[in-house]
Amino acid sequence: MFEIGLSELMMVGLVALVVIGPEKLPAVARHAGFWLGKSRRTIAAVKAEMQRELQAEELRRQWAAGELQSALDDGRAAAMEIDAAMDALAESAAGRDAPTPSS
């Protein structure tokens, strides 16, 4: 992301050691790490929220175009066919269970 090499990182560490001092450097590094982690989590949360909003907007656009409505209608038609087949199967099973008249 930042394309920082080992030499640049060592230079930053050396400058921080000189400017901050060896006593406060661990606390400052811990504090900087905390804020870096917090900013990364915040950025990840914002990205996730943007992705959810974009997906919701795409669904709204598809709904308005009728794409989702036709898929929903197809699903309802398939469910009705399954219900009719189940009813026919139940009727045929009920007919087999009935006693046959003996002659």
C-alpha atoms as a PDB file:
ATOM      1  CA  MET A   1       0.000   0.000   0.000  1.00  0.00           C
ATOM      2  CA  PHE A   2       2.648   2.525   1.019  1.00  0.00           C
ATOM      3  CA  GLU A   3       5.529   0.583  -0.548  1.00  0.00           C
ATOM      4  CA  ILE A   4       7.876   1.258   2.355  1.00  0.00           C
ATOM      5  CA  GLY A   5      11.015  -0.838   2.249  1.00  0.00           C
ATOM      6  CA  LEU A   6      13.163  -2.051   5.120  1.00  0.00           C
ATOM      7  CA  SER A   7      15.685   0.773   4.725  1.00  0.00           C
ATOM      8  CA  GLU A   8      12.977   3.450   4.899  1.00  0.00           C
ATOM      9  CA  LEU A   9      11.434   1.775   7.924  1.00  0.00           C
ATOM     10  CA  MET A  10      14.790   1.652   9.702  1.00  0.00           C
ATOM     11  CA  MET A  11      15.365   5.343   8.914  1.00  0.00           C
ATOM     12  CA  VAL A  12      11.982   6.275  10.398  1.00  0.00           C
ATOM     13  CA  GLY A  13      12.761   4.188  13.486  1.00  0.00           C
ATOM     14  CA  LEU A  14      16.166   5.843  13.918  1.00  0.00           C
ATOM     15  CA  VAL A  15      14.712   9.341  13.576  1.00  0.00           C
ATOM     16  CA  ALA A  16      11.935   8.439  16.040  1.00  0.00           C
ATOM     17  CA  LEU A  17      14.529   7.114  18.486  1.00  0.00           C
ATOM     18  CA  VAL A  18      16.515  10.357  18.288  1.00  0.00           C
ATOM     19  CA  VAL A  19      13.511  12.691  18.440  1.00  0.00           C
ATOM     20  CA  ILE A  20      11.373  10.866  21.022  1.00  0.00           C
ATOM     21  CA  GLY A  21      14.040   9.144  23.043  1.00  0.00           C
ATOM     22  CA  PRO A  22      14.446   5.533  24.135  1.00  0.00           C
ATOM     23  CA  GLU A  23      12.268   5.913  27.254  1.00  0.00           C
ATOM     24  CA  LYS A  24       9.108   7.080  25.488  1.00  0.00           C
ATOM     25  CA  LEU A  25       9.566   5.256  22.176  1.00  0.00           C
ATOM     26  CA  PRO A  26       7.751   2.008  23.198  1.00  0.00           C
ATOM     27  CA  ALA A  27       4.741   3.935  24.505  1.00  0.00           C
ATOM     28  CA  VAL A  28       4.598   6.112  21.392  1.00  0.00           C
ATOM     29  CA  ALA A  29       4.911   3.063  19.126  1.00  0.00           C
ATOM     30  CA  ARG A  30       2.106   1.320  21.034  1.00  0.00           C
ATOM     31  CA  HIS A  31      -0.071   4.428  20.768  1.00  0.00           C
ATOM     32  CA  ALA A  32       0.662   4.776  17.041  1.00  0.00           C
ATOM     33  CA  GLY A  33      -0.149   1.088  16.515  1.00  0.00           C
ATOM     34  CA  PHE A  34      -3.433   1.514  18.359  1.00  0.00           C
ATOM     35  CA  TRP A  35      -4.476   4.423  16.139  1.00  0.00           C
ATOM     36  CA  LEU A  36      -3.311   2.668  13.001  1.00  0.00           C
ATOM     37  CA  GLY A  37      -5.412  -0.392  13.885  1.00  0.00           C
ATOM     38  CA  LYS A  38      -8.397   1.763  14.741  1.00  0.00           C
ATOM     39  CA  SER A  39      -8.145   3.646  11.453  1.00  0.00           C
ATOM     40  CA  ARG A  40      -7.874   0.376   9.507  1.00  0.00           C
ATOM     41  CA  ARG A  41     -10.977  -1.000  11.230  1.00  0.00           C
ATOM     42  CA  THR A  42     -12.856   2.225  10.522  1.00  0.00           C
ATOM     43  CA  ILE A  43     -11.862   2.168   6.868  1.00  0.00           C
ATOM     44  CA  ALA A  44     -12.892  -1.497   6.600  1.00  0.00           C
ATOM     45  CA  ALA A  45     -16.266  -0.697   8.195  1.00  0.00           C
ATOM     46  CA  VAL A  46     -16.840   2.203   5.803  1.00  0.00           C
ATOM     47  CA  LYS A  47     -15.929   0.006   2.828  1.00  0.00           C
ATOM     48  CA  ALA A  48     -18.330  -2.708   4.001  1.00  0.00           C
ATOM     49  CA  GLU A  49     -21.125  -0.176   4.487  1.00  0.00           C
ATOM     50  CA  MET A  50     -20.526   1.279   1.015  1.00  0.00           C
ATOM     51  CA  GLN A  51     -20.607  -2.233  -0.471  1.00  0.00           C
ATOM     52  CA  ARG A  52     -23.917  -2.995   1.266  1.00  0.00           C
ATOM     53  CA  GLU A  53     -25.409   0.266   0.020  1.00  0.00           C
ATOM     54  CA  LEU A  54     -24.255  -0.397  -3.531  1.00  0.00           C
ATOM     55  CA  GLN A  55     -25.766  -3.880  -3.432  1.00  0.00           C
ATOM     56  CA  ALA A  56     -29.030  -2.494  -2.077  1.00  0.00           C
ATOM     57  CA  GLU A  57     -29.081   0.132  -4.820  1.00  0.00           C
ATOM     58  CA  GLU A  58     -28.449  -2.552  -7.456  1.00  0.00           C
ATOM     59  CA  LEU A  59     -31.357  -4.597  -6.070  1.00  0.00           C
ATOM     60  CA  ARG A  60     -33.611  -1.526  -6.196  1.00  0.00           C
ATOM     61  CA  ARG A  61     -32.580  -0.894  -9.798  1.00  0.00           C
ATOM     62  CA  GLN A  62     -33.265  -4.518 -10.748  1.00  0.00           C
ATOM     63  CA  TRP A  63     -36.626  -4.413  -8.973  1.00  0.00           C
ATOM     64  CA  ALA A  64     -37.561  -1.281 -10.888  1.00  0.00           C
ATOM     65  CA  ALA A  65     -36.500  -2.930 -14.149  1.00  0.00           C
ATOM     66  CA  GLY A  66     -38.739  -5.886 -13.357  1.00  0.00           C
ATOM     67  CA  GLU A  67     -35.935  -8.445 -13.341  1.00  0.00           C
ATOM     68  CA  LEU A  68     -36.533  -9.483  -9.754  1.00  0.00           C
ATOM     69  CA  GLN A  69     -40.292  -9.389 -10.181  1.00  0.00           C
ATOM     70  CA  SER A  70     -40.148 -11.860 -13.066  1.00  0.00           C
ATOM     71  CA  ALA A  71     -37.840 -14.142 -11.069  1.00  0.00           C
ATOM     72  CA  LEU A  72     -40.257 -13.945  -8.138  1.00  0.00           C
ATOM     73  CA  ASP A  73     -43.192 -14.761 -10.429  1.00  0.00           C
ATOM     74  CA  ASP A  74     -41.285 -17.754 -11.830  1.00  0.00           C
ATOM     75  CA  GLY A  75     -40.651 -18.978  -8.292  1.00  0.00           C
ATOM     76  CA  ARG A  76     -44.313 -18.616  -7.382  1.00  0.00           C
ATOM     77  CA  ALA A  77     -45.359 -20.531 -10.508  1.00  0.00           C
ATOM     78  CA  ALA A  78     -42.936 -23.336  -9.655  1.00  0.00           C
ATOM     79  CA  ALA A  79     -44.291 -23.463  -6.101  1.00  0.00           C
ATOM     80  CA  MET A  80     -47.853 -23.722  -7.422  1.00  0.00           C
ATOM     81  CA  GLU A  81     -46.825 -26.591  -9.731  1.00  0.00           C
ATOM     82  CA  ILE A  82     -45.216 -28.391  -6.804  1.00  0.00           C
ATOM     83  CA  ASP A  83     -48.354 -27.883  -4.690  1.00  0.00           C
ATOM     84  CA  ALA A  84     -50.525 -29.310  -7.486  1.00  0.00           C
ATOM     85  CA  ALA A  85     -48.236 -32.321  -7.870  1.00  0.00           C
ATOM     86  CA  MET A  86     -48.276 -32.908  -4.107  1.00  0.00           C
ATOM     87  CA  ASP A  87     -52.089 -32.722  -4.063  1.00  0.00           C
ATOM     88  CA  ALA A  88     -52.317 -35.235  -6.919  1.00  0.00           C
ATOM     89  CA  LEU A  89     -49.884 -37.529  -5.146  1.00  0.00           C
ATOM     90  CA  ALA A  90     -51.863 -37.278  -1.905  1.00  0.00           C
ATOM     91  CA  GLU A  91     -55.108 -38.098  -3.731  1.00  0.00           C
ATOM     92  CA  SER A  92     -53.601 -41.134  -5.432  1.00  0.00           C
ATOM     93  CA  ALA A  93     -52.167 -42.331  -2.125  1.00  0.00           C
ATOM     94  CA  ALA A  94     -55.558 -41.885  -0.449  1.00  0.00           C
ATOM     95  CA  GLY A  95     -57.196 -43.934  -3.226  1.00  0.00           C
ATOM     96  CA  ARG A  96     -54.796 -46.829  -2.687  1.00  0.00           C
ATOM     97  CA  ASP A  97     -55.412 -46.935   1.042  1.00  0.00           C
ATOM     98  CA  ALA A  98     -59.172 -47.331   0.596  1.00  0.00           C
ATOM     99  CA  PRO A  99     -60.388 -50.924   0.918  1.00  0.00           C
ATOM    100  CA  THR A 100     -61.363 -52.548  -2.339  1.00  0.00           C
ATOM    101  CA  PRO A 101     -64.839 -54.125  -2.500  1.00  0.00           C
ATOM    102  CA  SER A 102     -64.709 -57.904  -2.585  1.00  0.00           C
ATOM    103  CA  SER A 103     -66.948 -59.826  -4.923  1.00  0.00           C
END
